[in-house]
PDB file of N, CA and C in Angstrom:
ATOM      1  N   MET A   1       0.841  -1.177   0.000  1.00  0.00           N
ATOM      2  CA  MET A   1       0.000   0.000   0.000  1.00  0.00           C
ATOM      3  C   MET A   1       0.886   1.241   0.000  1.00  0.00           C
ATOM      4  N   SER A   2       0.417   2.247  -0.654  1.00  0.00           N
ATOM      5  CA  SER A   2       1.172   3.494  -0.662  1.00  0.00           C
ATOM      6  C   SER A   2       0.994   4.259   0.647  1.00  0.00           C
ATOM      7  N   ASP A   3      -0.066   3.955   1.399  1.00  0.00           N
ATOM      8  CA  ASP A   3      -0.338   4.613   2.676  1.00  0.00           C
ATOM      9  C   ASP A   3      -0.860   3.555   3.653  1.00  0.00           C
ATOM     10  N   ILE A   4      -0.091   3.229   4.667  1.00  0.00           N
ATOM     11  CA  ILE A   4      -0.466   2.156   5.586  1.00  0.00           C
ATOM     12  C   ILE A   4      -1.748   2.484   6.351  1.00  0.00           C
ATOM     13  N   GLN A   5      -2.012   3.748   6.638  1.00  0.00           N
ATOM     14  CA  GLN A   5      -3.248   4.103   7.335  1.00  0.00           C
ATOM     15  C   GLN A   5      -4.466   3.842   6.454  1.00  0.00           C
ATOM     16  N   GLU A   6      -4.345   4.127   5.164  1.00  0.00           N
ATOM     17  CA  GLU A   6      -5.426   3.823   4.227  1.00  0.00           C
ATOM     18  C   GLU A   6      -5.598   2.305   4.108  1.00  0.00           C
ATOM     19  N   ALA A   7      -4.494   1.578   4.136  1.00  0.00           N
ATOM     20  CA  ALA A   7      -4.547   0.118   4.105  1.00  0.00           C
ATOM     21  C   ALA A   7      -5.284  -0.420   5.324  1.00  0.00           C
ATOM     22  N   ILE A   8      -4.978   0.099   6.494  1.00  0.00           N
ATOM     23  CA  ILE A   8      -5.630  -0.332   7.726  1.00  0.00           C
ATOM     24  C   ILE A   8      -7.138  -0.108   7.631  1.00  0.00           C
ATOM     25  N   ALA A   9      -7.536   1.067   7.138  1.00  0.00           N
ATOM     26  CA  ALA A   9      -8.964   1.373   6.997  1.00  0.00           C
ATOM     27  C   ALA A   9      -9.646   0.386   6.055  1.00  0.00           C
ATOM     28  N   PHE A  10      -8.976  -0.010   4.983  1.00  0.00           N
ATOM     29  CA  PHE A  10      -9.562  -0.927   4.018  1.00  0.00           C
ATOM     30  C   PHE A  10      -9.553  -2.374   4.523  1.00  0.00           C
ATOM     31  N   TYR A  11      -8.384  -2.886   4.862  1.00  0.00           N
ATOM     32  CA  TYR A  11      -8.258  -4.296   5.213  1.00  0.00           C
ATOM     33  C   TYR A  11      -8.928  -4.639   6.538  1.00  0.00           C
ATOM     34  N   GLU A  12      -8.867  -3.732   7.498  1.00  0.00           N
ATOM     35  CA  GLU A  12      -9.495  -3.987   8.785  1.00  0.00           C
ATOM     36  C   GLU A  12     -10.936  -3.489   8.807  1.00  0.00           C
ATOM     37  N   GLY A  13     -11.152  -2.280   8.282  1.00  0.00           N
ATOM     38  CA  GLY A  13     -12.483  -1.682   8.325  1.00  0.00           C
ATOM     39  C   GLY A  13     -13.450  -2.289   7.330  1.00  0.00           C
ATOM     40  N   LYS A  14     -13.076  -2.316   6.045  1.00  0.00           N
ATOM     41  CA  LYS A  14     -13.995  -2.810   5.016  1.00  0.00           C
ATOM     42  C   LYS A  14     -13.979  -4.329   4.878  1.00  0.00           C
ATOM     43  N   LEU A  15     -12.795  -4.939   4.888  1.00  0.00           N
ATOM     44  CA  LEU A  15     -12.727  -6.389   4.733  1.00  0.00           C
ATOM     45  C   LEU A  15     -12.908  -7.131   6.046  1.00  0.00           C
ATOM     46  N   GLY A  16     -12.654  -6.457   7.167  1.00  0.00           N
ATOM     47  CA  GLY A  16     -12.829  -7.082   8.480  1.00  0.00           C
ATOM     48  C   GLY A  16     -11.798  -8.144   8.799  1.00  0.00           C
ATOM     49  N   LEU A  17     -10.595  -8.026   8.208  1.00  0.00           N
ATOM     50  CA  LEU A  17      -9.556  -9.011   8.474  1.00  0.00           C
ATOM     51  C   LEU A  17      -8.959  -8.815   9.866  1.00  0.00           C
ATOM     52  N   GLU A  18      -8.594  -9.913  10.483  1.00  0.00           N
ATOM     53  CA  GLU A  18      -8.007  -9.899  11.822  1.00  0.00           C
ATOM     54  C   GLU A  18      -6.503  -9.647  11.739  1.00  0.00           C
ATOM     55  N   VAL A  19      -6.021  -8.687  12.534  1.00  0.00           N
ATOM     56  CA  VAL A  19      -4.584  -8.414  12.591  1.00  0.00           C
ATOM     57  C   VAL A  19      -3.930  -9.455  13.494  1.00  0.00           C
ATOM     58  N   LEU A  20      -2.966 -10.198  12.946  1.00  0.00           N
ATOM     59  CA  LEU A  20      -2.233 -11.174  13.745  1.00  0.00           C
ATOM     60  C   LEU A  20      -0.927 -10.587  14.261  1.00  0.00           C
ATOM     61  N   GLU A  21      -0.393  -9.633  13.506  1.00  0.00           N
ATOM     62  CA  GLU A  21       0.915  -9.079  13.835  1.00  0.00           C
ATOM     63  C   GLU A  21       1.073  -7.730  13.146  1.00  0.00           C
ATOM     64  N   SER A  22       1.757  -6.812  13.800  1.00  0.00           N
ATOM     65  CA  SER A  22       2.120  -5.552  13.155  1.00  0.00           C
ATOM     66  C   SER A  22       3.565  -5.248  13.505  1.00  0.00           C
ATOM     67  N   GLY A  23       4.190  -4.474  12.648  1.00  0.00           N
ATOM     68  CA  GLY A  23       5.587  -4.176  12.887  1.00  0.00           C
ATOM     69  C   GLY A  23       6.120  -3.161  11.906  1.00  0.00           C
ATOM     70  N   PRO A  24       7.423  -2.992  11.882  1.00  0.00           N
ATOM     71  CA  PRO A  24       8.022  -1.985  11.003  1.00  0.00           C
ATOM     72  C   PRO A  24       8.078  -2.451   9.548  1.00  0.00           C
ATOM     73  N   SER A  25       8.141  -1.474   8.662  1.00  0.00           N
ATOM     74  CA  SER A  25       8.347  -1.728   7.240  1.00  0.00           C
ATOM     75  C   SER A  25       9.259  -0.636   6.724  1.00  0.00           C
ATOM     76  N   ALA A  26      10.457  -1.014   6.319  1.00  0.00           N
ATOM     77  CA  ALA A  26      11.473  -0.041   5.884  1.00  0.00           C
ATOM     78  C   ALA A  26      11.668   0.977   7.000  1.00  0.00           C
ATOM     79  N   ASP A  27      11.413   2.245   6.752  1.00  0.00           N
ATOM     80  CA  ASP A  27      11.635   3.279   7.766  1.00  0.00           C
ATOM     81  C   ASP A  27      10.346   3.704   8.468  1.00  0.00           C
ATOM     82  N   ILE A  28       9.279   2.914   8.346  1.00  0.00           N
ATOM     83  CA  ILE A  28       7.995   3.235   8.971  1.00  0.00           C
ATOM     84  C   ILE A  28       7.808   2.317  10.174  1.00  0.00           C
ATOM     85  N   ALA A  29       7.766   2.903  11.342  1.00  0.00           N
ATOM     86  CA  ALA A  29       7.745   2.134  12.585  1.00  0.00           C
ATOM     87  C   ALA A  29       6.601   1.126  12.651  1.00  0.00           C
ATOM     88  N   ASP A  30       5.407   1.498  12.222  1.00  0.00           N
ATOM     89  CA  ASP A  30       4.249   0.604  12.298  1.00  0.00           C
ATOM     90  C   ASP A  30       3.651   0.437  10.904  1.00  0.00           C
ATOM     91  N   GLY A  31       4.510   0.196   9.905  1.00  0.00           N
ATOM     92  CA  GLY A  31       4.092   0.194   8.505  1.00  0.00           C
ATOM     93  C   GLY A  31       3.763  -1.155   7.915  1.00  0.00           C
ATOM     94  N   SER A  32       3.551  -2.174   8.746  1.00  0.00           N
ATOM     95  CA  SER A  32       3.332  -3.523   8.236  1.00  0.00           C
ATOM     96  C   SER A  32       2.272  -4.232   9.072  1.00  0.00           C
ATOM     97  N   ARG A  33       1.442  -5.033   8.408  1.00  0.00           N
ATOM     98  CA  ARG A  33       0.428  -5.838   9.092  1.00  0.00           C
ATOM     99  C   ARG A  33       0.405  -7.227   8.480  1.00  0.00           C
ATOM    100  N   VAL A  34       0.201  -8.248   9.315  1.00  0.00           N
ATOM    101  CA  VAL A  34      -0.083  -9.594   8.852  1.00  0.00           C
ATOM    102  C   VAL A  34      -1.520  -9.884   9.272  1.00  0.00           C
ATOM    103  N   TYR A  35      -2.353 -10.233   8.294  1.00  0.00           N
ATOM    104  CA  TYR A  35      -3.773 -10.498   8.543  1.00  0.00           C
ATOM    105  C   TYR A  35      -4.053 -11.989   8.479  1.00  0.00           C
ATOM    106  N   GLY A  36      -4.979 -12.413   9.323  1.00  0.00           N
ATOM    107  CA  GLY A  36      -5.370 -13.809   9.360  1.00  0.00           C
ATOM    108  C   GLY A  36      -6.630 -14.054   8.563  1.00  0.00           C
ATOM    109  N   SER A  37      -6.730 -15.270   8.074  1.00  0.00           N
ATOM    110  CA  SER A  37      -7.918 -15.732   7.373  1.00  0.00           C
ATOM    111  C   SER A  37      -7.844 -17.241   7.318  1.00  0.00           C
ATOM    112  N   GLY A  38      -8.947 -17.904   7.534  1.00  0.00           N
ATOM    113  CA  GLY A  38      -8.962 -19.351   7.473  1.00  0.00           C
ATOM    114  C   GLY A  38      -8.168 -20.022   8.581  1.00  0.00           C
ATOM    115  N   GLY A  39      -7.985 -19.355   9.705  1.00  0.00           N
ATOM    116  CA  GLY A  39      -7.322 -19.955  10.847  1.00  0.00           C
ATOM    117  C   GLY A  39      -5.819 -19.757  10.916  1.00  0.00           C
ATOM    118  N   GLY A  40      -5.256 -18.956  10.021  1.00  0.00           N
ATOM    119  CA  GLY A  40      -3.816 -18.728  10.065  1.00  0.00           C
ATOM    120  C   GLY A  40      -3.442 -17.470   9.319  1.00  0.00           C
ATOM    121  N   PRO A  41      -2.158 -17.169   9.253  1.00  0.00           N
ATOM    122  CA  PRO A  41      -1.725 -15.980   8.517  1.00  0.00           C
ATOM    123  C   PRO A  41      -2.065 -16.129   7.036  1.00  0.00           C
ATOM    124  N   ALA A  42      -2.593 -15.062   6.436  1.00  0.00           N
ATOM    125  CA  ALA A  42      -3.045 -15.161   5.057  1.00  0.00           C
ATOM    126  C   ALA A  42      -2.542 -14.044   4.157  1.00  0.00           C
ATOM    127  N   LEU A  43      -2.266 -12.877   4.727  1.00  0.00           N
ATOM    128  CA  LEU A  43      -1.937 -11.739   3.882  1.00  0.00           C
ATOM    129  C   LEU A  43      -1.012 -10.798   4.634  1.00  0.00           C
ATOM    130  N   HIS A  44       0.098 -10.442   4.005  1.00  0.00           N
ATOM    131  CA  HIS A  44       1.041  -9.490   4.580  1.00  0.00           C
ATOM    132  C   HIS A  44       0.924  -8.199   3.781  1.00  0.00           C
ATOM    133  N   VAL A  45       0.576  -7.109   4.455  1.00  0.00           N
ATOM    134  CA  VAL A  45       0.388  -5.810   3.825  1.00  0.00           C
ATOM    135  C   VAL A  45       1.408  -4.849   4.412  1.00  0.00           C
ATOM    136  N   TYR A  46       2.090  -4.103   3.543  1.00  0.00           N
ATOM    137  CA  TYR A  46       3.074  -3.140   4.024  1.00  0.00           C
ATOM    138  C   TYR A  46       3.122  -1.950   3.090  1.00  0.00           C
ATOM    139  N   GLN A  47       3.587  -0.843   3.618  1.00  0.00           N
ATOM    140  CA  GLN A  47       3.682   0.374   2.828  1.00  0.00           C
ATOM    141  C   GLN A  47       4.825   0.238   1.832  1.00  0.00           C
ATOM    142  N   SER A  48       4.540   0.598   0.557  1.00  0.00           N
ATOM    143  CA  SER A  48       5.523   0.440  -0.508  1.00  0.00           C
ATOM    144  C   SER A  48       5.268   1.448  -1.620  1.00  0.00           C
ATOM    145  N   VAL A  49       6.327   1.927  -2.231  1.00  0.00           N
ATOM    146  CA  VAL A  49       6.176   2.864  -3.357  1.00  0.00           C
ATOM    147  C   VAL A  49       5.727   2.145  -4.626  1.00  0.00           C
ATOM    148  N   THR A  50       5.776   0.830  -4.667  1.00  0.00           N
ATOM    149  CA  THR A  50       5.351   0.093  -5.858  1.00  0.00           C
ATOM    150  C   THR A  50       3.936  -0.470  -5.733  1.00  0.00           C
ATOM    151  N   ALA A  51       3.201  -0.063  -4.733  1.00  0.00           N
ATOM    152  CA  ALA A  51       1.848  -0.573  -4.515  1.00  0.00           C
ATOM    153  C   ALA A  51       0.965  -0.304  -5.730  1.00  0.00           C
ATOM    154  N   GLY A  52       0.158  -1.302  -6.089  1.00  0.00           N
ATOM    155  CA  GLY A  52      -0.810  -1.152  -7.167  1.00  0.00           C
ATOM    156  C   GLY A  52      -0.232  -1.197  -8.559  1.00  0.00           C
ATOM    157  N   LYS A  53       0.988  -1.643  -8.727  1.00  0.00           N
ATOM    158  CA  LYS A  53       1.651  -1.605 -10.034  1.00  0.00           C
ATOM    159  C   LYS A  53       1.426  -2.854 -10.885  1.00  0.00           C
ATOM    160  N   THR A  54       0.914  -3.934 -10.321  1.00  0.00           N
ATOM    161  CA  THR A  54       0.713  -5.143 -11.110  1.00  0.00           C
ATOM    162  C   THR A  54      -0.759  -5.300 -11.494  1.00  0.00           C
ATOM    163  N   PRO A  55      -1.042  -5.691 -12.737  1.00  0.00           N
ATOM    164  CA  PRO A  55      -2.429  -5.929 -13.138  1.00  0.00           C
ATOM    165  C   PRO A  55      -2.938  -7.317 -12.724  1.00  0.00           C
ATOM    166  N   ALA A  56      -2.053  -8.163 -12.217  1.00  0.00           N
ATOM    167  CA  ALA A  56      -2.432  -9.524 -11.847  1.00  0.00           C
ATOM    168  C   ALA A  56      -3.214  -9.550 -10.534  1.00  0.00           C
ATOM    169  N   THR A  57      -4.000 -10.595 -10.340  1.00  0.00           N
ATOM    170  CA  THR A  57      -4.675 -10.818  -9.070  1.00  0.00           C
ATOM    171  C   THR A  57      -3.624 -11.235  -8.047  1.00  0.00           C
ATOM    172  N   LEU A  58      -3.530 -10.486  -6.940  1.00  0.00           N
ATOM    173  CA  LEU A  58      -2.495 -10.737  -5.937  1.00  0.00           C
ATOM    174  C   LEU A  58      -2.836 -11.857  -4.975  1.00  0.00           C
ATOM    175  N   ALA A  59      -4.111 -12.011  -4.653  1.00  0.00           N
ATOM    176  CA  ALA A  59      -4.517 -13.059  -3.710  1.00  0.00           C
ATOM    177  C   ALA A  59      -5.970 -13.417  -3.965  1.00  0.00           C
ATOM    178  N   THR A  60      -6.320 -14.653  -3.648  1.00  0.00           N
ATOM    179  CA  THR A  60      -7.683 -15.141  -3.811  1.00  0.00           C
ATOM    180  C   THR A  60      -8.126 -15.792  -2.515  1.00  0.00           C
ATOM    181  N   TRP A  61      -9.328 -15.474  -2.094  1.00  0.00           N
ATOM    182  CA  TRP A  61      -9.938 -16.147  -0.955  1.00  0.00           C
ATOM    183  C   TRP A  61     -10.952 -17.136  -1.504  1.00  0.00           C
ATOM    184  N   TYR A  62     -10.848 -18.397  -1.079  1.00  0.00           N
ATOM    185  CA  TYR A  62     -11.798 -19.429  -1.463  1.00  0.00           C
ATOM    186  C   TYR A  62     -12.863 -19.488  -0.376  1.00  0.00           C
ATOM    187  N   VAL A  63     -14.117 -19.297  -0.789  1.00  0.00           N
ATOM    188  CA  VAL A  63     -15.216 -19.176   0.167  1.00  0.00           C
ATOM    189  C   VAL A  63     -16.308 -20.189  -0.159  1.00  0.00           C
ATOM    190  N   ASP A  64     -17.105 -20.507   0.840  1.00  0.00           N
ATOM    191  CA  ASP A  64     -18.211 -21.439   0.639  1.00  0.00           C
ATOM    192  C   ASP A  64     -19.427 -20.753   0.020  1.00  0.00           C
ATOM    193  N   ASP A  65     -19.728 -19.530   0.444  1.00  0.00           N
ATOM    194  CA  ASP A  65     -20.920 -18.816  -0.022  1.00  0.00           C
ATOM    195  C   ASP A  65     -20.503 -17.456  -0.595  1.00  0.00           C
ATOM    196  N   ILE A  66     -20.177 -17.439  -1.870  1.00  0.00           N
ATOM    197  CA  ILE A  66     -19.672 -16.220  -2.499  1.00  0.00           C
ATOM    198  C   ILE A  66     -20.730 -15.120  -2.501  1.00  0.00           C
ATOM    199  N   ASP A  67     -22.004 -15.477  -2.660  1.00  0.00           N
ATOM    200  CA  ASP A  67     -23.062 -14.459  -2.650  1.00  0.00           C
ATOM    201  C   ASP A  67     -23.108 -13.726  -1.320  1.00  0.00           C
ATOM    202  N   GLN A  68     -23.024 -14.465  -0.229  1.00  0.00           N
ATOM    203  CA  GLN A  68     -23.065 -13.858   1.104  1.00  0.00           C
ATOM    204  C   GLN A  68     -21.857 -12.949   1.330  1.00  0.00           C
ATOM    205  N   ILE A  69     -20.672 -13.415   0.961  1.00  0.00           N
ATOM    206  CA  ILE A  69     -19.455 -12.625   1.181  1.00  0.00           C
ATOM    207  C   ILE A  69     -19.477 -11.361   0.323  1.00  0.00           C
ATOM    208  N   VAL A  70     -19.894 -11.483  -0.931  1.00  0.00           N
ATOM    209  CA  VAL A  70     -20.003 -10.294  -1.791  1.00  0.00           C
ATOM    210  C   VAL A  70     -20.988  -9.299  -1.178  1.00  0.00           C
ATOM    211  N   ASP A  71     -22.142  -9.786  -0.724  1.00  0.00           N
ATOM    212  CA  ASP A  71     -23.133  -8.898  -0.098  1.00  0.00           C
ATOM    213  C   ASP A  71     -22.552  -8.189   1.121  1.00  0.00           C
ATOM    214  N   GLU A  72     -21.834  -8.932   1.973  1.00  0.00           N
ATOM    215  CA  GLU A  72     -21.238  -8.337   3.170  1.00  0.00           C
ATOM    216  C   GLU A  72     -20.200  -7.273   2.810  1.00  0.00           C
ATOM    217  N   LEU A  73     -19.360  -7.568   1.816  1.00  0.00           N
ATOM    218  CA  LEU A  73     -18.328  -6.611   1.433  1.00  0.00           C
ATOM    219  C   LEU A  73     -18.928  -5.381   0.769  1.00  0.00           C
ATOM    220  N   VAL A  74     -19.939  -5.560  -0.065  1.00  0.00           N
ATOM    221  CA  VAL A  74     -20.606  -4.414  -0.691  1.00  0.00           C
ATOM    222  C   VAL A  74     -21.221  -3.523   0.389  1.00  0.00           C
ATOM    223  N   SER A  75     -21.815  -4.137   1.407  1.00  0.00           N
ATOM    224  CA  SER A  75     -22.415  -3.334   2.491  1.00  0.00           C
ATOM    225  C   SER A  75     -21.353  -2.599   3.298  1.00  0.00           C
ATOM    226  N   SER A  76     -20.088  -3.062   3.231  1.00  0.00           N
ATOM    227  CA  SER A  76     -18.974  -2.379   3.901  1.00  0.00           C
ATOM    228  C   SER A  76     -18.314  -1.334   3.008  1.00  0.00           C
ATOM    229  N   GLY A  77     -18.784  -1.233   1.761  1.00  0.00           N
ATOM    230  CA  GLY A  77     -18.245  -0.225   0.858  1.00  0.00           C
ATOM    231  C   GLY A  77     -17.259  -0.730  -0.174  1.00  0.00           C
ATOM    232  N   VAL A  78     -17.092  -2.045  -0.286  1.00  0.00           N
ATOM    233  CA  VAL A  78     -16.192  -2.613  -1.296  1.00  0.00           C
ATOM    234  C   VAL A  78     -16.930  -2.649  -2.631  1.00  0.00           C
ATOM    235  N   GLU A  79     -16.239  -2.226  -3.696  1.00  0.00           N
ATOM    236  CA  GLU A  79     -16.816  -2.254  -5.035  1.00  0.00           C
ATOM    237  C   GLU A  79     -16.179  -3.385  -5.826  1.00  0.00           C
ATOM    238  N   PHE A  80     -17.011  -4.148  -6.531  1.00  0.00           N
ATOM    239  CA  PHE A  80     -16.519  -5.261  -7.324  1.00  0.00           C
ATOM    240  C   PHE A  80     -16.306  -4.829  -8.772  1.00  0.00           C
ATOM    241  N   ILE A  81     -15.272  -5.400  -9.375  1.00  0.00           N
ATOM    242  CA  ILE A  81     -14.855  -5.052 -10.730  1.00  0.00           C
ATOM    243  C   ILE A  81     -15.643  -5.879 -11.734  1.00  0.00           C
ATOM    244  N   ARG A  82     -16.007  -5.235 -12.823  1.00  0.00           N
ATOM    245  CA  ARG A  82     -16.652  -5.933 -13.939  1.00  0.00           C
ATOM    246  C   ARG A  82     -15.751  -5.788 -15.151  1.00  0.00           C
ATOM    247  N   TYR A  83     -15.240  -6.915 -15.624  1.00  0.00           N
ATOM    248  CA  TYR A  83     -14.375  -6.919 -16.795  1.00  0.00           C
ATOM    249  C   TYR A  83     -15.226  -7.110 -18.046  1.00  0.00           C
ATOM    250  N   ASP A  84     -14.963  -6.320 -19.071  1.00  0.00           N
ATOM    251  CA  ASP A  84     -15.761  -6.358 -20.298  1.00  0.00           C
ATOM    252  C   ASP A  84     -15.791  -7.732 -20.956  1.00  0.00           C
ATOM    253  N   GLN A  85     -14.716  -8.480 -20.846  1.00  0.00           N
ATOM    254  CA  GLN A  85     -14.644  -9.766 -21.536  1.00  0.00           C
ATOM    255  C   GLN A  85     -15.414 -10.889 -20.842  1.00  0.00           C
ATOM    256  N   PHE A  86     -15.968 -10.635 -19.648  1.00  0.00           N
ATOM    257  CA  PHE A  86     -16.711 -11.655 -18.914  1.00  0.00           C
ATOM    258  C   PHE A  86     -18.157 -11.222 -18.706  1.00  0.00           C
ATOM    259  N   GLU A  87     -19.041 -12.218 -18.607  1.00  0.00           N
ATOM    260  CA  GLU A  87     -20.423 -11.949 -18.217  1.00  0.00           C
ATOM    261  C   GLU A  87     -20.504 -11.997 -16.704  1.00  0.00           C
ATOM    262  N   HIS A  88     -21.167 -11.007 -16.116  1.00  0.00           N
ATOM    263  CA  HIS A  88     -21.307 -10.921 -14.667  1.00  0.00           C
ATOM    264  C   HIS A  88     -22.783 -10.928 -14.294  1.00  0.00           C
ATOM    265  N   ASP A  89     -23.095 -11.471 -13.127  1.00  0.00           N
ATOM    266  CA  ASP A  89     -24.460 -11.354 -12.636  1.00  0.00           C
ATOM    267  C   ASP A  89     -24.638  -9.981 -11.991  1.00  0.00           C
ATOM    268  N   ALA A  90     -25.789  -9.736 -11.397  1.00  0.00           N
ATOM    269  CA  ALA A  90     -26.092  -8.422 -10.818  1.00  0.00           C
ATOM    270  C   ALA A  90     -25.121  -8.020  -9.713  1.00  0.00           C
ATOM    271  N   LYS A  91     -24.491  -8.994  -9.053  1.00  0.00           N
ATOM    272  CA  LYS A  91     -23.557  -8.707  -7.961  1.00  0.00           C
ATOM    273  C   LYS A  91     -22.126  -8.516  -8.453  1.00  0.00           C
ATOM    274  N   GLY A  92     -21.863  -8.814  -9.734  1.00  0.00           N
ATOM    275  CA  GLY A  92     -20.506  -8.729 -10.258  1.00  0.00           C
ATOM    276  C   GLY A  92     -19.765 -10.055 -10.220  1.00  0.00           C
ATOM    277  N   ILE A  93     -20.491 -11.145  -9.995  1.00  0.00           N
ATOM    278  CA  ILE A  93     -19.894 -12.479  -9.948  1.00  0.00           C
ATOM    279  C   ILE A  93     -19.982 -13.096 -11.339  1.00  0.00           C
ATOM    280  N   THR A  94     -18.924 -13.763 -11.758  1.00  0.00           N
ATOM    281  CA  THR A  94     -18.882 -14.382 -13.082  1.00  0.00           C
ATOM    282  C   THR A  94     -18.576 -15.877 -12.971  1.00  0.00           C
ATOM    283  N   PRO A  95     -19.049 -16.670 -13.945  1.00  0.00           N
ATOM    284  CA  PRO A  95     -18.669 -18.082 -13.946  1.00  0.00           C
ATOM    285  C   PRO A  95     -17.152 -18.217 -14.084  1.00  0.00           C
ATOM    286  N   ARG A  96     -16.583 -19.174 -13.372  1.00  0.00           N
ATOM    287  CA  ARG A  96     -15.143 -19.413 -13.400  1.00  0.00           C
ATOM    288  C   ARG A  96     -14.836 -20.522 -14.401  1.00  0.00           C
ATOM    289  N   ALA A  97     -13.741 -20.384 -15.122  1.00  0.00           N
ATOM    290  CA  ALA A  97     -13.310 -21.440 -16.044  1.00  0.00           C
ATOM    291  C   ALA A  97     -13.174 -22.741 -15.269  1.00  0.00           C
ATOM    292  N   GLY A  98     -13.738 -23.812 -15.788  1.00  0.00           N
ATOM    293  CA  GLY A  98     -13.656 -25.097 -15.113  1.00  0.00           C
ATOM    294  C   GLY A  98     -14.739 -25.307 -14.066  1.00  0.00           C
ATOM    295  N   GLY A  99     -15.643 -24.352 -13.904  1.00  0.00           N
ATOM    296  CA  GLY A  99     -16.731 -24.466 -12.940  1.00  0.00           C
ATOM    297  C   GLY A  99     -16.535 -23.562 -11.741  1.00  0.00           C
ATOM    298  N   GLY A 100     -17.610 -23.292 -11.057  1.00  0.00           N
ATOM    299  CA  GLY A 100     -17.568 -22.391  -9.910  1.00  0.00           C
ATOM    300  C   GLY A 100     -17.789 -20.952 -10.335  1.00  0.00           C
ATOM    301  N   ARG A 101     -17.544 -20.044  -9.401  1.00  0.00           N
ATOM    302  CA  ARG A 101     -17.797 -18.614  -9.639  1.00  0.00           C
ATOM    303  C   ARG A 101     -16.688 -17.784  -9.016  1.00  0.00           C
ATOM    304  N   ILE A 102     -16.500 -16.577  -9.563  1.00  0.00           N
ATOM    305  CA  ILE A 102     -15.424 -15.698  -9.106  1.00  0.00           C
ATOM    306  C   ILE A 102     -15.882 -14.244  -9.163  1.00  0.00           C
ATOM    307  N   ALA A 103     -15.347 -13.435  -8.243  1.00  0.00           N
ATOM    308  CA  ALA A 103     -15.596 -11.989  -8.232  1.00  0.00           C
ATOM    309  C   ALA A 103     -14.306 -11.288  -7.827  1.00  0.00           C
ATOM    310  N   TRP A 104     -14.029 -10.151  -8.463  1.00  0.00           N
ATOM    311  CA  TRP A 104     -12.803  -9.406  -8.197  1.00  0.00           C
ATOM    312  C   TRP A 104     -13.107  -8.054  -7.573  1.00  0.00           C
ATOM    313  N   PHE A 105     -12.192  -7.597  -6.727  1.00  0.00           N
ATOM    314  CA  PHE A 105     -12.270  -6.253  -6.160  1.00  0.00           C
ATOM    315  C   PHE A 105     -10.849  -5.728  -6.008  1.00  0.00           C
ATOM    316  N   GLN A 106     -10.737  -4.422  -5.770  1.00  0.00           N
ATOM    317  CA  GLN A 106      -9.426  -3.805  -5.612  1.00  0.00           C
ATOM    318  C   GLN A 106      -9.357  -3.040  -4.299  1.00  0.00           C
ATOM    319  N   ASP A 107      -8.136  -2.945  -3.771  1.00  0.00           N
ATOM    320  CA  ASP A 107      -7.911  -2.092  -2.606  1.00  0.00           C
ATOM    321  C   ASP A 107      -7.718  -0.656  -3.100  1.00  0.00           C
ATOM    322  N   PRO A 108      -7.553   0.310  -2.208  1.00  0.00           N
ATOM    323  CA  PRO A 108      -7.433   1.706  -2.630  1.00  0.00           C
ATOM    324  C   PRO A 108      -6.265   2.000  -3.581  1.00  0.00           C
ATOM    325  N   ASP A 109      -5.227   1.175  -3.593  1.00  0.00           N
ATOM    326  CA  ASP A 109      -4.109   1.375  -4.514  1.00  0.00           C
ATOM    327  C   ASP A 109      -4.317   0.701  -5.862  1.00  0.00           C
ATOM    328  N   GLY A 110      -5.380  -0.071  -6.015  1.00  0.00           N
ATOM    329  CA  GLY A 110      -5.622  -0.774  -7.265  1.00  0.00           C
ATOM    330  C   GLY A 110      -5.070  -2.182  -7.297  1.00  0.00           C
ATOM    331  N   ASN A 111      -4.619  -2.707  -6.153  1.00  0.00           N
ATOM    332  CA  ASN A 111      -4.219  -4.112  -6.082  1.00  0.00           C
ATOM    333  C   ASN A 111      -5.482  -4.962  -6.195  1.00  0.00           C
ATOM    334  N   THR A 112      -5.455  -5.988  -7.056  1.00  0.00           N
ATOM    335  CA  THR A 112      -6.632  -6.795  -7.340  1.00  0.00           C
ATOM    336  C   THR A 112      -6.640  -8.073  -6.514  1.00  0.00           C
ATOM    337  N   PHE A 113      -7.810  -8.382  -5.973  1.00  0.00           N
ATOM    338  CA  PHE A 113      -8.049  -9.583  -5.188  1.00  0.00           C
ATOM    339  C   PHE A 113      -9.291 -10.280  -5.723  1.00  0.00           C
ATOM    340  N   ALA A 114      -9.430 -11.565  -5.418  1.00  0.00           N
ATOM    341  CA  ALA A 114     -10.588 -12.320  -5.888  1.00  0.00           C
ATOM    342  C   ALA A 114     -11.193 -13.138  -4.774  1.00  0.00           C
ATOM    343  N   LEU A 115     -12.475 -13.408  -4.950  1.00  0.00           N
ATOM    344  CA  LEU A 115     -13.212 -14.389  -4.153  1.00  0.00           C
ATOM    345  C   LEU A 115     -13.605 -15.487  -5.115  1.00  0.00           C
ATOM    346  N   GLU A 116     -13.434 -16.739  -4.721  1.00  0.00           N
ATOM    347  CA  GLU A 116     -13.845 -17.856  -5.579  1.00  0.00           C
ATOM    348  C   GLU A 116     -14.630 -18.862  -4.767  1.00  0.00           C
ATOM    349  N   ALA A 117     -15.582 -19.501  -5.441  1.00  0.00           N
ATOM    350  CA  ALA A 117     -16.387 -20.555  -4.827  1.00  0.00           C
ATOM    351  C   ALA A 117     -16.606 -21.646  -5.857  1.00  0.00           C
ATOM    352  N   ASP A 118     -16.745 -22.866  -5.386  1.00  0.00           N
ATOM    353  CA  ASP A 118     -16.945 -23.988  -6.289  1.00  0.00           C
ATOM    354  C   ASP A 118     -18.363 -24.059  -6.826  1.00  0.00           C
ATOM    355  N   VAL A 119     -19.296 -23.344  -6.205  1.00  0.00           N
ATOM    356  CA  VAL A 119     -20.697 -23.329  -6.679  1.00  0.00           C
ATOM    357  C   VAL A 119     -21.208 -21.918  -6.790  1.00  0.00           C
TER     358      VAL A 119
END
């Protein structure tokens, strides 16, 4: 993230991720967070000048009920991405290659994340 405070507001406030650890990042005393998901460490977020520079999906959460999770995140202010090359339902969820469903969203720096479900 280009701004760790903005990251905290997004990852903790909007996504509701649990902080497992915080610490320094480069010259920022409290510029790093490790978030838990699925019973263990899942995502390391830190302040960086290269934040948001990759068009690739950085991380995917595999969920049992994608509709419920999308609804919860939308109610927290998360916006889901709609790519022109895919068909999306009203929530922004698209069929996944090989079966299942997927939805993408971005953090404030434009880093892309996905939710996937087998049904």
